[in-house]
């Protein structure tokens, strides 16, 4: 994940998610996905994706997305997204996104987000997210 070339999302240059410059998302500045400021997405402040406090997405409480609660993305409950339950994103069972079978998004199978081939999103290919 987070490679350095191609038409990816979550790499380290402009127009991406996961990079470190001004024209991207998931960098270290404001309006980011994956950065570490309060005005970002996936940072450490409020209204974030992947942060650890406030009204975040991907933090670690029950009122978040991708945390450990029931309505989360990245949490570990059955009613979450990106957890371990049936309706999750990035979990390991059921109708998940980012799990590891062929019926998922973000796993290792076909039509996935986060897998490692050129036809995916989130892998190492040209039209990936997190590749």
Protein backbone atom coordinates (compact mmCIF):
# COMPACT_ATOMS: atom_id res chain seq x y z
CA UNK A 1 0.00 0.00 0.00
CA UNK A 2 1.03 3.61 -0.52
CA UNK A 3 3.30 3.05 -3.47
CA UNK A 4 5.07 5.81 -5.39
CA UNK A 5 3.71 5.69 -8.96
CA UNK A 6 0.69 5.11 -11.17
CA UNK A 7 -2.82 6.57 -11.05
CA UNK A 8 -3.26 5.56 -7.46
CA UNK A 9 -5.05 6.85 -4.45
CA UNK A 10 -3.07 6.71 -1.21
CA UNK A 11 0.33 7.29 -2.71
CA UNK A 12 2.74 10.13 -1.96
CA UNK A 13 2.09 12.77 -4.63
CA UNK A 14 -0.67 15.17 -5.66
CA UNK A 15 -4.33 14.24 -6.18
CA UNK A 16 -4.06 11.23 -3.93
CA UNK A 17 -5.11 9.78 -0.63
CA UNK A 18 -2.23 8.88 1.65
CA UNK A 19 0.36 11.23 0.23
CA UNK A 20 2.24 14.03 1.90
CA UNK A 21 1.72 17.11 -0.28
CA UNK A 22 -0.77 19.96 -0.51
CA UNK A 23 -2.94 18.66 -3.36
CA UNK A 24 -3.77 15.36 -1.76
CA UNK A 25 -5.92 13.70 0.84
CA UNK A 26 -4.48 11.56 3.58
CA UNK A 27 -1.40 13.72 3.99
CA UNK A 28 -0.36 15.71 7.08
CA UNK A 29 -2.23 18.98 6.49
CA UNK A 30 -5.81 20.23 6.70
CA UNK A 31 -8.70 18.72 4.73
CA UNK A 32 -6.76 15.46 4.57
CA UNK A 33 -7.49 11.81 4.83
CA UNK A 34 -4.83 10.16 6.92
CA UNK A 35 -3.24 13.32 8.27
CA UNK A 36 -2.76 14.29 11.90
CA UNK A 37 -4.52 17.65 12.33
CA UNK A 38 -7.95 18.62 13.64
CA UNK A 39 -9.29 19.76 10.27
CA UNK A 40 -8.43 16.53 8.53
CA UNK A 41 -9.92 13.21 7.62
CA UNK A 42 -8.13 10.21 9.07
CA UNK A 43 -6.03 12.30 11.44
CA UNK A 44 -6.10 12.83 15.18
CA UNK A 45 -8.61 15.68 15.45
CA UNK A 46 -12.37 16.09 15.25
CA UNK A 47 -14.36 15.18 12.13
CA UNK A 48 -11.54 12.89 11.05
CA UNK A 49 -11.22 9.54 9.37
CA UNK A 50 -8.64 7.43 11.15
CA UNK A 51 -8.15 9.79 14.05
CA UNK A 52 -8.46 9.09 17.76
CA UNK A 53 -10.72 11.82 19.14
CA UNK A 54 -13.76 14.00 18.49
CA UNK A 55 -16.34 13.18 15.85
CA UNK A 56 -13.98 10.95 13.95
CA UNK A 57 -14.15 8.19 11.46
CA UNK A 58 -11.76 5.34 12.12
CA UNK A 59 -11.16 6.19 15.76
CA UNK A 60 -11.61 3.68 18.60
CA UNK A 61 -15.01 4.23 20.23
CA UNK A 62 -18.61 3.20 19.63
CA UNK A 63 -19.62 6.50 18.04
CA UNK A 64 -17.04 6.32 15.30
CA UNK A 65 -16.42 4.80 11.92
CA UNK A 66 -13.43 2.53 11.63
CA UNK A 67 -13.01 2.20 15.37
CA UNK A 68 -14.08 -0.49 17.81
CA UNK A 69 -17.80 0.35 18.15
CA UNK A 70 -20.92 -1.04 16.47
CA UNK A 71 -21.30 1.74 13.91
CA UNK A 72 -17.66 1.88 12.92
CA UNK A 73 -15.41 1.58 9.93
CA UNK A 74 -12.36 -0.38 10.92
CA UNK A 75 -13.91 -1.63 14.14
CA UNK A 76 -14.29 -5.22 15.22
CA UNK A 77 -18.07 -5.65 15.63
CA UNK A 78 -20.69 -7.30 13.41
CA UNK A 79 -22.51 -4.05 12.74
CA UNK A 80 -19.46 -2.14 11.58
CA UNK A 81 -17.64 -1.26 8.41
CA UNK A 82 -14.01 -2.28 8.13
CA UNK A 83 -14.23 -4.57 11.11
CA UNK A 84 -14.73 -8.29 11.55
CA UNK A 85 -18.52 -8.57 11.12
CA UNK A 86 -20.80 -9.44 8.21
CA UNK A 87 -21.54 -5.90 7.08
CA UNK A 88 -18.00 -4.62 7.40
CA UNK A 89 -15.40 -2.89 5.32
CA UNK A 90 -11.91 -4.28 5.79
CA UNK A 91 -13.14 -7.17 7.90
CA UNK A 92 -12.59 -10.87 7.41
CA UNK A 93 -16.09 -12.31 6.89
CA UNK A 94 -19.52 -11.76 5.38
CA UNK A 95 -20.18 -9.03 2.82
CA UNK A 96 -17.10 -7.02 3.59
CA UNK A 97 -14.94 -4.47 1.90
CA UNK A 98 -11.21 -4.86 2.38
CA UNK A 99 -11.40 -8.45 3.59
CA UNK A 100 -9.46 -11.30 2.00
CA UNK A 101 -11.74 -13.18 -0.40
CA UNK A 102 -12.94 -12.85 -3.99
CA UNK A 103 -16.30 -11.32 -3.09
CA UNK A 104 -14.84 -8.39 -1.24
CA UNK A 105 -13.42 -4.94 -1.80
CA UNK A 106 -10.04 -4.33 -0.27
CA UNK A 107 -9.04 -7.96 0.03
CA UNK A 108 -7.03 -10.36 -2.08
CA UNK A 109 -9.76 -11.59 -4.41
CA UNK A 110 -11.48 -10.25 -7.52
CA UNK A 111 -13.15 -6.83 -7.62
CA UNK A 112 -11.42 -5.77 -4.44
CA UNK A 113 -10.23 -2.52 -2.91
CA UNK A 114 -6.93 -2.93 -1.14
CA UNK A 115 -5.71 -6.01 -2.94
CA UNK A 116 -2.44 -6.31 -4.83
CA UNK A 117 -3.09 -6.54 -8.58
CA UNK A 118 -3.58 -4.12 -11.46
CA UNK A 119 -7.34 -4.56 -11.72
CA UNK A 120 -8.09 -3.51 -8.19
CA UNK A 121 -8.61 -0.51 -5.95
CA UNK A 122 -6.24 -0.40 -3.04
CA UNK A 123 -3.63 -2.66 -4.55
CA UNK A 124 -0.54 -2.07 -6.65
CA UNK A 125 -2.24 -1.46 -10.00
CA UNK A 126 -2.89 1.69 -12.00
CA UNK A 127 -6.42 2.34 -10.76
CA UNK A 128 -5.92 1.49 -7.12
CA UNK A 129 -6.75 2.96 -3.77
CA UNK A 130 -4.02 2.50 -1.18
CA UNK A 131 -1.67 1.05 -3.75
